Protein backbone atom coordinates (compact mmCIF):
# COMPACT_ATOMS: atom_id res chain seq x y z
CA MET A 1 18.90 21.61 32.33
CA GLY A 2 17.87 25.07 31.18
CA GLN A 3 14.76 25.99 29.34
CA THR A 4 14.57 25.80 25.58
CA GLN A 5 13.87 28.71 23.30
CA ASP A 6 10.59 27.10 22.22
CA SER A 7 9.25 26.79 25.75
CA LEU A 8 10.27 30.36 26.55
CA ASP A 9 8.56 31.60 23.38
CA ARG A 10 5.37 29.78 24.38
CA GLN A 11 5.51 31.13 27.94
CA LEU A 12 6.15 34.67 26.69
CA THR A 13 3.20 34.46 24.31
CA ILE A 14 0.93 33.37 27.14
CA ALA A 15 2.27 36.08 29.46
CA ARG A 16 1.75 38.78 26.83
CA GLU A 17 -1.82 37.59 26.25
CA GLU A 18 -2.56 37.75 29.97
CA LEU A 19 -1.04 41.24 30.17
CA ALA A 20 -3.09 42.39 27.17
CA LYS A 21 -6.28 41.05 28.77
CA TYR A 22 -5.56 42.90 31.98
CA VAL A 23 -4.68 46.10 30.12
CA ALA A 24 -8.09 45.85 28.45
CA VAL A 25 -9.69 45.62 31.90
CA LEU A 26 -7.74 48.68 33.03
CA ASP A 27 -8.76 50.54 29.89
CA GLU A 28 -12.41 49.79 30.68
CA LYS A 29 -11.85 51.27 34.13
CA LYS A 30 -10.21 54.28 32.44
CA VAL A 31 -6.87 53.78 34.16
CA GLY A 32 -4.18 55.76 32.38
CA GLU A 33 -0.82 54.36 31.34
CA ALA A 34 0.99 56.32 34.04
CA ASP A 35 -1.33 54.94 36.71
CA ARG A 36 -0.84 51.32 35.63
CA LYS A 37 2.47 51.23 37.43
CA ARG A 38 0.56 51.59 40.68
CA ASP A 39 -1.54 48.50 39.96
CA SER A 40 0.04 45.43 41.56
CA ILE A 41 -1.48 42.92 39.14
CA TRP A 42 -0.22 44.89 36.13
CA ARG A 43 3.23 45.15 37.72
CA ASN A 44 3.38 41.38 38.28
CA LEU A 45 2.26 40.58 34.72
CA ASP A 46 4.72 43.10 33.27
CA ALA A 47 7.52 41.70 35.44
CA GLU A 48 6.80 38.18 34.22
CA CYS A 49 7.11 39.35 30.60
CA ARG A 50 10.38 41.12 31.36
CA GLN A 51 11.77 38.05 33.14
CA LEU A 52 10.95 35.81 30.21
CA ARG A 53 12.57 38.22 27.74
CA THR A 54 15.69 38.28 29.94
CA ARG A 55 15.76 34.47 30.05
CA MET A 56 15.50 34.36 26.26
CA VAL A 57 18.56 36.60 25.97
CA ALA A 58 20.43 34.31 28.35
CA VAL A 59 19.46 31.20 26.34
CA ASP A 60 20.74 32.90 23.17
CA ALA A 61 24.02 33.75 24.90
CA VAL A 62 24.48 30.15 26.07
CA ALA A 63 23.74 28.84 22.58
CA ALA A 64 26.30 31.22 21.08
CA ARG A 65 28.87 30.17 23.68
CA GLU A 66 28.26 26.48 23.01
CA ALA A 67 28.58 27.04 19.25
CA GLU A 68 31.87 28.85 19.78
CA CYS A 69 33.18 26.01 21.98
CA ALA A 70 32.20 23.43 19.38
CA GLN A 71 33.94 25.46 16.69
CA ARG A 72 37.11 25.73 18.74
CA LYS A 73 37.01 22.01 19.48
CA GLU A 74 36.69 21.20 15.76
CA ALA A 75 39.62 23.51 14.98
CA ALA A 76 41.75 21.89 17.67
CA THR A 77 41.02 18.34 16.48
CA ALA A 78 41.65 19.31 12.85
CA GLU A 79 45.21 20.37 13.66
């Protein structure tokens, strides 16, 4: 079973908070935005956020596909 939209939203919120906390640490160290890409922790946190956003798009696509299938099934049984 895949993940639900609610659980992905919760996970994305947590991941964004962790990324924001680490960005604050980097800002204290005066690390510029261009140099953040060199920081492995920042890269991992950013990648986690991107992965969750991608999963959310996939969940939306599956939900749309399932709705279309249900609609076609209703149309077929109505005939």
